[in-house]
């Protein structure tokens, strides 16, 4: 059961990271980013370059929480696997 917690954290981290990272990649490729919110607006690189870069930077920062969750899940999984090996061999 304890190992499944690490796997769940990795899966949740992947979801959170890709939810922000894939639109960032698409915006870099196309030059258009869609704002979040109830009235999502499209911001283009040509029309508003400063705002476009700020929105992309915010998306990249938001993907960091998913990456931290993945690292935490990997650490949890490694720690419990090590404990499992130590308890079986000892």
PDB file of N, CA and C in Angstrom:
ATOM      1  N   UNK A   1       0.807  -1.183   0.000  1.00  0.00           N
ATOM      2  CA  UNK A   1       0.000   0.000   0.000  1.00  0.00           C
ATOM      3  C   UNK A   1       0.862   1.264   0.000  1.00  0.00           C
ATOM      4  N   UNK A   2       1.944   1.247   0.755  1.00  0.00           N
ATOM      5  CA  UNK A   2       2.785   2.435   0.840  1.00  0.00           C
ATOM      6  C   UNK A   2       3.456   2.734  -0.495  1.00  0.00           C
ATOM      7  N   UNK A   3       3.733   1.697  -1.280  1.00  0.00           N
ATOM      8  CA  UNK A   3       4.355   1.930  -2.580  1.00  0.00           C
ATOM      9  C   UNK A   3       3.375   2.580  -3.549  1.00  0.00           C
ATOM     10  N   UNK A   4       2.079   2.297  -3.395  1.00  0.00           N
ATOM     11  CA  UNK A   4       1.078   2.881  -4.284  1.00  0.00           C
ATOM     12  C   UNK A   4       0.950   4.388  -4.080  1.00  0.00           C
ATOM     13  N   UNK A   5       1.239   4.867  -2.897  1.00  0.00           N
ATOM     14  CA  UNK A   5       1.183   6.308  -2.644  1.00  0.00           C
ATOM     15  C   UNK A   5       2.218   7.022  -3.507  1.00  0.00           C
ATOM     16  N   UNK A   6       3.407   6.457  -3.597  1.00  0.00           N
ATOM     17  CA  UNK A   6       4.450   7.043  -4.448  1.00  0.00           C
ATOM     18  C   UNK A   6       4.044   7.033  -5.910  1.00  0.00           C
ATOM     19  N   UNK A   7       3.445   5.918  -6.356  1.00  0.00           N
ATOM     20  CA  UNK A   7       2.983   5.845  -7.744  1.00  0.00           C
ATOM     21  C   UNK A   7       1.869   6.842  -8.027  1.00  0.00           C
ATOM     22  N   UNK A   8       0.972   7.018  -7.071  1.00  0.00           N
ATOM     23  CA  UNK A   8      -0.100   7.998  -7.234  1.00  0.00           C
ATOM     24  C   UNK A   8       0.431   9.421  -7.295  1.00  0.00           C
ATOM     25  N   UNK A   9       1.428   9.708  -6.476  1.00  0.00           N
ATOM     26  CA  UNK A   9       2.029  11.049  -6.490  1.00  0.00           C
ATOM     27  C   UNK A   9       2.731  11.315  -7.814  1.00  0.00           C
ATOM     28  N   UNK A  10       3.378  10.293  -8.359  1.00  0.00           N
ATOM     29  CA  UNK A  10       4.041  10.456  -9.657  1.00  0.00           C
ATOM     30  C   UNK A  10       3.008  10.702 -10.751  1.00  0.00           C
ATOM     31  N   UNK A  11       1.914   9.929 -10.725  1.00  0.00           N
ATOM     32  CA  UNK A  11       0.862  10.125 -11.717  1.00  0.00           C
ATOM     33  C   UNK A  11       0.213  11.497 -11.621  1.00  0.00           C
ATOM     34  N   UNK A  12      -0.066  11.943 -10.402  1.00  0.00           N
ATOM     35  CA  UNK A  12      -0.670  13.264 -10.206  1.00  0.00           C
ATOM     36  C   UNK A  12       0.297  14.368 -10.637  1.00  0.00           C
ATOM     37  N   UNK A  13       1.569  14.192 -10.339  1.00  0.00           N
ATOM     38  CA  UNK A  13       2.563  15.181 -10.752  1.00  0.00           C
ATOM     39  C   UNK A  13       2.691  15.266 -12.259  1.00  0.00           C
ATOM     40  N   UNK A  14       2.635  14.108 -12.928  1.00  0.00           N
ATOM     41  CA  UNK A  14       2.670  14.107 -14.390  1.00  0.00           C
ATOM     42  C   UNK A  14       1.472  14.856 -14.959  1.00  0.00           C
ATOM     43  N   UNK A  15       0.296  14.597 -14.394  1.00  0.00           N
ATOM     44  CA  UNK A  15      -0.902  15.287 -14.861  1.00  0.00           C
ATOM     45  C   UNK A  15      -0.769  16.792 -14.687  1.00  0.00           C
ATOM     46  N   UNK A  16      -0.351  17.230 -13.495  1.00  0.00           N
ATOM     47  CA  UNK A  16      -0.240  18.663 -13.228  1.00  0.00           C
ATOM     48  C   UNK A  16       0.834  19.327 -14.085  1.00  0.00           C
ATOM     49  N   UNK A  17       1.940  18.621 -14.305  1.00  0.00           N
ATOM     50  CA  UNK A  17       3.018  19.201 -15.083  1.00  0.00           C
ATOM     51  C   UNK A  17       2.636  19.299 -16.560  1.00  0.00           C
ATOM     52  N   UNK A  18       2.076  18.234 -17.114  1.00  0.00           N
ATOM     53  CA  UNK A  18       1.734  18.246 -18.529  1.00  0.00           C
ATOM     54  C   UNK A  18       0.565  19.176 -18.827  1.00  0.00           C
ATOM     55  N   UNK A  19      -0.306  19.389 -17.849  1.00  0.00           N
ATOM     56  CA  UNK A  19      -1.431  20.301 -18.018  1.00  0.00           C
ATOM     57  C   UNK A  19      -0.962  21.730 -18.280  1.00  0.00           C
ATOM     58  N   UNK A  20       0.189  22.090 -17.758  1.00  0.00           N
ATOM     59  CA  UNK A  20       0.742  23.424 -17.982  1.00  0.00           C
ATOM     60  C   UNK A  20       1.837  23.422 -19.046  1.00  0.00           C
ATOM     61  N   UNK A  21       2.568  22.327 -19.145  1.00  0.00           N
ATOM     62  CA  UNK A  21       3.733  22.304 -20.041  1.00  0.00           C
ATOM     63  C   UNK A  21       3.330  22.158 -21.508  1.00  0.00           C
ATOM     64  N   UNK A  22       2.324  21.328 -21.804  1.00  0.00           N
ATOM     65  CA  UNK A  22       1.930  21.138 -23.201  1.00  0.00           C
ATOM     66  C   UNK A  22       1.374  22.416 -23.837  1.00  0.00           C
ATOM     67  N   UNK A  23       0.527  23.202 -23.146  1.00  0.00           N
ATOM     68  CA  UNK A  23       0.128  24.489 -23.737  1.00  0.00           C
ATOM     69  C   UNK A  23       1.307  25.457 -23.897  1.00  0.00           C
ATOM     70  N   UNK A  24       2.311  25.351 -23.032  1.00  0.00           N
ATOM     71  CA  UNK A  24       3.504  26.189 -23.163  1.00  0.00           C
ATOM     72  C   UNK A  24       4.254  25.847 -24.440  1.00  0.00           C
ATOM     73  N   UNK A  25       4.394  24.538 -24.713  1.00  0.00           N
ATOM     74  CA  UNK A  25       5.074  24.103 -25.942  1.00  0.00           C
ATOM     75  C   UNK A  25       4.293  24.564 -27.169  1.00  0.00           C
ATOM     76  N   UNK A  26       2.981  24.422 -27.130  1.00  0.00           N
ATOM     77  CA  UNK A  26       2.152  24.852 -28.260  1.00  0.00           C
ATOM     78  C   UNK A  26       2.245  26.362 -28.474  1.00  0.00           C
ATOM     79  N   UNK A  27       2.261  27.125 -27.397  1.00  0.00           N
ATOM     80  CA  UNK A  27       2.354  28.580 -27.526  1.00  0.00           C
ATOM     81  C   UNK A  27       3.707  28.990 -28.097  1.00  0.00           C
ATOM     82  N   UNK A  28       4.769  28.316 -27.703  1.00  0.00           N
ATOM     83  CA  UNK A  28       6.094  28.605 -28.269  1.00  0.00           C
ATOM     84  C   UNK A  28       6.113  28.315 -29.763  1.00  0.00           C
ATOM     85  N   UNK A  29       5.421  27.250 -30.160  1.00  0.00           N
ATOM     86  CA  UNK A  29       5.423  26.836 -31.560  1.00  0.00           C
ATOM     87  C   UNK A  29       4.563  27.761 -32.428  1.00  0.00           C
ATOM     88  N   UNK A  30       3.369  28.113 -31.947  1.00  0.00           N
ATOM     89  CA  UNK A  30       2.424  28.862 -32.770  1.00  0.00           C
ATOM     90  C   UNK A  30       2.496  30.370 -32.578  1.00  0.00           C
ATOM     91  N   UNK A  31       2.974  30.835 -31.426  1.00  0.00           N
ATOM     92  CA  UNK A  31       2.999  32.270 -31.162  1.00  0.00           C
ATOM     93  C   UNK A  31       1.692  32.797 -30.609  1.00  0.00           C
ATOM     94  N   UNK A  32       0.827  31.902 -30.157  1.00  0.00           N
ATOM     95  CA  UNK A  32      -0.468  32.284 -29.574  1.00  0.00           C
ATOM     96  C   UNK A  32      -0.649  31.541 -28.270  1.00  0.00           C
ATOM     97  N   UNK A  33      -1.051  32.253 -27.226  1.00  0.00           N
ATOM     98  CA  UNK A  33      -1.314  31.631 -25.931  1.00  0.00           C
ATOM     99  C   UNK A  33      -2.715  32.035 -25.494  1.00  0.00           C
ATOM    100  N   UNK A  34      -3.442  31.076 -24.941  1.00  0.00           N
ATOM    101  CA  UNK A  34      -4.793  31.338 -24.451  1.00  0.00           C
ATOM    102  C   UNK A  34      -4.712  31.572 -22.949  1.00  0.00           C
ATOM    103  N   UNK A  35      -5.271  32.698 -22.509  1.00  0.00           N
ATOM    104  CA  UNK A  35      -5.306  32.998 -21.078  1.00  0.00           C
ATOM    105  C   UNK A  35      -6.287  32.078 -20.384  1.00  0.00           C
ATOM    106  N   UNK A  36      -6.039  31.841 -19.107  1.00  0.00           N
ATOM    107  CA  UNK A  36      -6.965  31.043 -18.309  1.00  0.00           C
ATOM    108  C   UNK A  36      -8.048  31.956 -17.761  1.00  0.00           C
ATOM    109  N   UNK A  37      -9.169  31.369 -17.425  1.00  0.00           N
ATOM    110  CA  UNK A  37     -10.235  32.158 -16.807  1.00  0.00           C
ATOM    111  C   UNK A  37     -11.564  31.934 -17.500  1.00  0.00           C
ATOM    112  N   UNK A  38     -12.562  32.638 -17.013  1.00  0.00           N
ATOM    113  CA  UNK A  38     -13.907  32.480 -17.556  1.00  0.00           C
ATOM    114  C   UNK A  38     -13.999  33.023 -18.984  1.00  0.00           C
ATOM    115  N   UNK A  39     -13.334  34.131 -19.241  1.00  0.00           N
ATOM    116  CA  UNK A  39     -13.322  34.694 -20.590  1.00  0.00           C
ATOM    117  C   UNK A  39     -11.912  34.580 -21.140  1.00  0.00           C
ATOM    118  N   UNK A  40     -11.562  33.394 -21.601  1.00  0.00           N
ATOM    119  CA  UNK A  40     -10.213  33.140 -22.096  1.00  0.00           C
ATOM    120  C   UNK A  40      -9.961  33.933 -23.377  1.00  0.00           C
ATOM    121  N   UNK A  41      -8.920  34.731 -23.360  1.00  0.00           N
ATOM    122  CA  UNK A  41      -8.541  35.527 -24.517  1.00  0.00           C
ATOM    123  C   UNK A  41      -7.266  34.963 -25.106  1.00  0.00           C
ATOM    124  N   UNK A  42      -7.086  35.166 -26.393  1.00  0.00           N
ATOM    125  CA  UNK A  42      -5.863  34.723 -27.062  1.00  0.00           C
ATOM    126  C   UNK A  42      -4.921  35.913 -27.162  1.00  0.00           C
ATOM    127  N   UNK A  43      -3.692  35.711 -26.718  1.00  0.00           N
ATOM    128  CA  UNK A  43      -2.656  36.739 -26.781  1.00  0.00           C
ATOM    129  C   UNK A  43      -1.624  36.265 -27.787  1.00  0.00           C
ATOM    130  N   UNK A  44      -1.313  37.110 -28.765  1.00  0.00           N
ATOM    131  CA  UNK A  44      -0.337  36.724 -29.791  1.00  0.00           C
ATOM    132  C   UNK A  44       1.014  37.384 -29.514  1.00  0.00           C
ATOM    133  N   UNK A  45       2.044  36.734 -30.011  1.00  0.00           N
ATOM    134  CA  UNK A  45       3.410  37.227 -29.824  1.00  0.00           C
ATOM    135  C   UNK A  45       3.623  38.541 -30.573  1.00  0.00           C
ATOM    136  N   UNK A  46       3.026  38.669 -31.759  1.00  0.00           N
ATOM    137  CA  UNK A  46       3.237  39.867 -32.570  1.00  0.00           C
ATOM    138  C   UNK A  46       2.539  41.090 -31.975  1.00  0.00           C
ATOM    139  N   UNK A  47       1.325  40.904 -31.449  1.00  0.00           N
ATOM    140  CA  UNK A  47       0.551  42.036 -30.947  1.00  0.00           C
ATOM    141  C   UNK A  47       1.056  42.530 -29.594  1.00  0.00           C
ATOM    142  N   UNK A  48       1.329  41.612 -28.670  1.00  0.00           N
ATOM    143  CA  UNK A  48       1.734  41.993 -27.308  1.00  0.00           C
ATOM    144  C   UNK A  48       2.900  41.103 -26.846  1.00  0.00           C
ATOM    145  N   UNK A  49       4.117  41.407 -27.279  1.00  0.00           N
ATOM    146  CA  UNK A  49       5.248  40.522 -26.958  1.00  0.00           C
ATOM    147  C   UNK A  49       5.578  40.440 -25.465  1.00  0.00           C
ATOM    148  N   UNK A  50       5.448  41.550 -24.722  1.00  0.00           N
ATOM    149  CA  UNK A  50       5.779  41.512 -23.293  1.00  0.00           C
ATOM    150  C   UNK A  50       4.764  40.670 -22.521  1.00  0.00           C
ATOM    151  N   UNK A  51       3.504  40.878 -22.823  1.00  0.00           N
ATOM    152  CA  UNK A  51       2.441  40.122 -22.145  1.00  0.00           C
ATOM    153  C   UNK A  51       2.513  38.638 -22.502  1.00  0.00           C
ATOM    154  N   UNK A  52       2.833  38.357 -23.769  1.00  0.00           N
ATOM    155  CA  UNK A  52       2.978  36.983 -24.232  1.00  0.00           C
ATOM    156  C   UNK A  52       4.081  36.263 -23.450  1.00  0.00           C
ATOM    157  N   UNK A  53       5.234  36.900 -23.328  1.00  0.00           N
ATOM    158  CA  UNK A  53       6.349  36.283 -22.597  1.00  0.00           C
ATOM    159  C   UNK A  53       6.028  36.115 -21.118  1.00  0.00           C
ATOM    160  N   UNK A  54       5.318  37.080 -20.541  1.00  0.00           N
ATOM    161  CA  UNK A  54       4.944  36.969 -19.125  1.00  0.00           C
ATOM    162  C   UNK A  54       3.982  35.797 -18.909  1.00  0.00           C
ATOM    163  N   UNK A  55       3.024  35.622 -19.812  1.00  0.00           N
ATOM    164  CA  UNK A  55       2.090  34.506 -19.686  1.00  0.00           C
ATOM    165  C   UNK A  55       2.807  33.171 -19.845  1.00  0.00           C
ATOM    166  N   UNK A  56       3.758  33.110 -20.773  1.00  0.00           N
ATOM    167  CA  UNK A  56       4.518  31.863 -20.949  1.00  0.00           C
ATOM    168  C   UNK A  56       5.379  31.563 -19.724  1.00  0.00           C
ATOM    169  N   UNK A  57       5.958  32.595 -19.151  1.00  0.00           N
ATOM    170  CA  UNK A  57       6.770  32.396 -17.950  1.00  0.00           C
ATOM    171  C   UNK A  57       5.916  31.887 -16.788  1.00  0.00           C
ATOM    172  N   UNK A  58       4.697  32.413 -16.666  1.00  0.00           N
ATOM    173  CA  UNK A  58       3.795  31.960 -15.609  1.00  0.00           C
ATOM    174  C   UNK A  58       3.388  30.503 -15.816  1.00  0.00           C
ATOM    175  N   UNK A  59       3.175  30.101 -17.064  1.00  0.00           N
ATOM    176  CA  UNK A  59       2.831  28.703 -17.339  1.00  0.00           C
ATOM    177  C   UNK A  59       3.989  27.777 -16.967  1.00  0.00           C
ATOM    178  N   UNK A  60       5.195  28.216 -17.270  1.00  0.00           N
ATOM    179  CA  UNK A  60       6.366  27.395 -16.951  1.00  0.00           C
ATOM    180  C   UNK A  60       6.544  27.280 -15.441  1.00  0.00           C
ATOM    181  N   UNK A  61       6.299  28.355 -14.710  1.00  0.00           N
ATOM    182  CA  UNK A  61       6.377  28.302 -13.245  1.00  0.00           C
ATOM    183  C   UNK A  61       5.306  27.377 -12.672  1.00  0.00           C
ATOM    184  N   UNK A  62       4.124  27.385 -13.263  1.00  0.00           N
ATOM    185  CA  UNK A  62       3.034  26.537 -12.782  1.00  0.00           C
ATOM    186  C   UNK A  62       3.333  25.061 -13.007  1.00  0.00           C
ATOM    187  N   UNK A  63       4.110  24.742 -14.017  1.00  0.00           N
ATOM    188  CA  UNK A  63       4.481  23.349 -14.262  1.00  0.00           C
ATOM    189  C   UNK A  63       5.474  22.842 -13.211  1.00  0.00           C
ATOM    190  N   UNK A  64       6.110  23.742 -12.502  1.00  0.00           N
ATOM    191  CA  UNK A  64       7.096  23.356 -11.486  1.00  0.00           C
ATOM    192  C   UNK A  64       6.494  22.599 -10.317  1.00  0.00           C
ATOM    193  N   UNK A  65       5.252  22.913  -9.950  1.00  0.00           N
ATOM    194  CA  UNK A  65       4.639  22.198  -8.825  1.00  0.00           C
ATOM    195  C   UNK A  65       4.421  20.728  -9.163  1.00  0.00           C
ATOM    196  N   UNK A  66       4.071  20.448 -10.412  1.00  0.00           N
ATOM    197  CA  UNK A  66       3.936  19.051 -10.827  1.00  0.00           C
ATOM    198  C   UNK A  66       5.272  18.328 -10.807  1.00  0.00           C
ATOM    199  N   UNK A  67       6.329  19.031 -11.217  1.00  0.00           N
ATOM    200  CA  UNK A  67       7.659  18.422 -11.194  1.00  0.00           C
ATOM    201  C   UNK A  67       8.096  18.123  -9.759  1.00  0.00           C
ATOM    202  N   UNK A  68       7.782  19.025  -8.832  1.00  0.00           N
ATOM    203  CA  UNK A  68       8.117  18.775  -7.427  1.00  0.00           C
ATOM    204  C   UNK A  68       7.335  17.593  -6.869  1.00  0.00           C
ATOM    205  N   UNK A  69       6.088  17.455  -7.286  1.00  0.00           N
ATOM    206  CA  UNK A  69       5.280  16.322  -6.843  1.00  0.00           C
ATOM    207  C   UNK A  69       5.837  15.012  -7.384  1.00  0.00           C
ATOM    208  N   UNK A  70       6.329  15.025  -8.621  1.00  0.00           N
ATOM    209  CA  UNK A  70       6.966  13.833  -9.195  1.00  0.00           C
ATOM    210  C   UNK A  70       8.213  13.475  -8.404  1.00  0.00           C
ATOM    211  N   UNK A  71       9.038  14.473  -8.097  1.00  0.00           N
ATOM    212  CA  UNK A  71      10.254  14.207  -7.332  1.00  0.00           C
ATOM    213  C   UNK A  71       9.929  13.680  -5.938  1.00  0.00           C
ATOM    214  N   UNK A  72       8.904  14.240  -5.307  1.00  0.00           N
ATOM    215  CA  UNK A  72       8.482  13.744  -3.999  1.00  0.00           C
ATOM    216  C   UNK A  72       7.984  12.305  -4.080  1.00  0.00           C
ATOM    217  N   UNK A  73       7.222  11.982  -5.120  1.00  0.00           N
ATOM    218  CA  UNK A  73       6.741  10.617  -5.309  1.00  0.00           C
ATOM    219  C   UNK A  73       7.869   9.636  -5.554  1.00  0.00           C
ATOM    220  N   UNK A  74       8.863  10.061  -6.346  1.00  0.00           N
ATOM    221  CA  UNK A  74      10.022   9.193  -6.583  1.00  0.00           C
ATOM    222  C   UNK A  74      10.817   8.972  -5.301  1.00  0.00           C
ATOM    223  N   UNK A  75      10.977  10.041  -4.517  1.00  0.00           N
ATOM    224  CA  UNK A  75      11.682   9.907  -3.245  1.00  0.00           C
ATOM    225  C   UNK A  75      10.942   8.984  -2.290  1.00  0.00           C
ATOM    226  N   UNK A  76       9.612   9.157  -2.214  1.00  0.00           N
ATOM    227  CA  UNK A  76       8.788   8.297  -1.364  1.00  0.00           C
ATOM    228  C   UNK A  76       8.888   6.841  -1.806  1.00  0.00           C
ATOM    229  N   UNK A  77       8.816   6.623  -3.113  1.00  0.00           N
ATOM    230  CA  UNK A  77       8.890   5.269  -3.658  1.00  0.00           C
ATOM    231  C   UNK A  77      10.251   4.638  -3.375  1.00  0.00           C
ATOM    232  N   UNK A  78      11.322   5.404  -3.567  1.00  0.00           N
ATOM    233  CA  UNK A  78      12.670   4.879  -3.320  1.00  0.00           C
ATOM    234  C   UNK A  78      12.875   4.575  -1.838  1.00  0.00           C
ATOM    235  N   UNK A  79      12.413   5.457  -0.968  1.00  0.00           N
ATOM    236  CA  UNK A  79      12.576   5.258   0.471  1.00  0.00           C
ATOM    237  C   UNK A  79      11.828   4.005   0.935  1.00  0.00           C
ATOM    238  N   UNK A  80      10.616   3.816   0.455  1.00  0.00           N
ATOM    239  CA  UNK A  80       9.842   2.642   0.849  1.00  0.00           C
ATOM    240  C   UNK A  80      10.382   1.363   0.238  1.00  0.00           C
ATOM    241  N   UNK A  81      10.882   1.435  -0.994  1.00  0.00           N
ATOM    242  CA  UNK A  81      11.502   0.254  -1.599  1.00  0.00           C
ATOM    243  C   UNK A  81      12.757  -0.139  -0.826  1.00  0.00           C
ATOM    244  N   UNK A  82      13.530   0.841  -0.419  1.00  0.00           N
ATOM    245  CA  UNK A  82      14.727   0.577   0.384  1.00  0.00           C
ATOM    246  C   UNK A  82      14.333  -0.056   1.729  1.00  0.00           C
ATOM    247  N   UNK A  83      13.274   0.482   2.347  1.00  0.00           N
ATOM    248  CA  UNK A  83      12.805  -0.101   3.608  1.00  0.00           C
ATOM    249  C   UNK A  83      12.292  -1.515   3.432  1.00  0.00           C
ATOM    250  N   UNK A  84      11.640  -1.789   2.299  1.00  0.00           N
ATOM    251  CA  UNK A  84      11.148  -3.128   2.017  1.00  0.00           C
ATOM    252  C   UNK A  84      12.288  -4.119   1.848  1.00  0.00           C
ATOM    253  N   UNK A  85      13.313  -3.702   1.109  1.00  0.00           N
ATOM    254  CA  UNK A  85      14.494  -4.551   0.920  1.00  0.00           C
ATOM    255  C   UNK A  85      15.207  -4.796   2.249  1.00  0.00           C
ATOM    256  N   UNK A  86      15.319  -3.753   3.063  1.00  0.00           N
ATOM    257  CA  UNK A  86      16.004  -3.889   4.352  1.00  0.00           C
ATOM    258  C   UNK A  86      15.234  -4.815   5.292  1.00  0.00           C
ATOM    259  N   UNK A  87      13.915  -4.759   5.250  1.00  0.00           N
ATOM    260  CA  UNK A  87      13.117  -5.606   6.162  1.00  0.00           C
ATOM    261  C   UNK A  87      13.115  -7.063   5.702  1.00  0.00           C
ATOM    262  N   UNK A  88      13.180  -7.293   4.410  1.00  0.00           N
ATOM    263  CA  UNK A  88      13.181  -8.667   3.903  1.00  0.00           C
ATOM    264  C   UNK A  88      14.549  -9.310   4.072  1.00  0.00           C
ATOM    265  N   UNK A  89      15.611  -8.556   3.857  1.00  0.00           N
ATOM    266  CA  UNK A  89      16.957  -9.123   3.938  1.00  0.00           C
ATOM    267  C   UNK A  89      17.480  -9.196   5.376  1.00  0.00           C
ATOM    268  N   UNK A  90      16.897  -8.457   6.275  1.00  0.00           N
ATOM    269  CA  UNK A  90      17.423  -8.371   7.629  1.00  0.00           C
ATOM    270  C   UNK A  90      16.705  -9.231   8.546  1.00  0.00           C
TER     271      UNK A  90
END
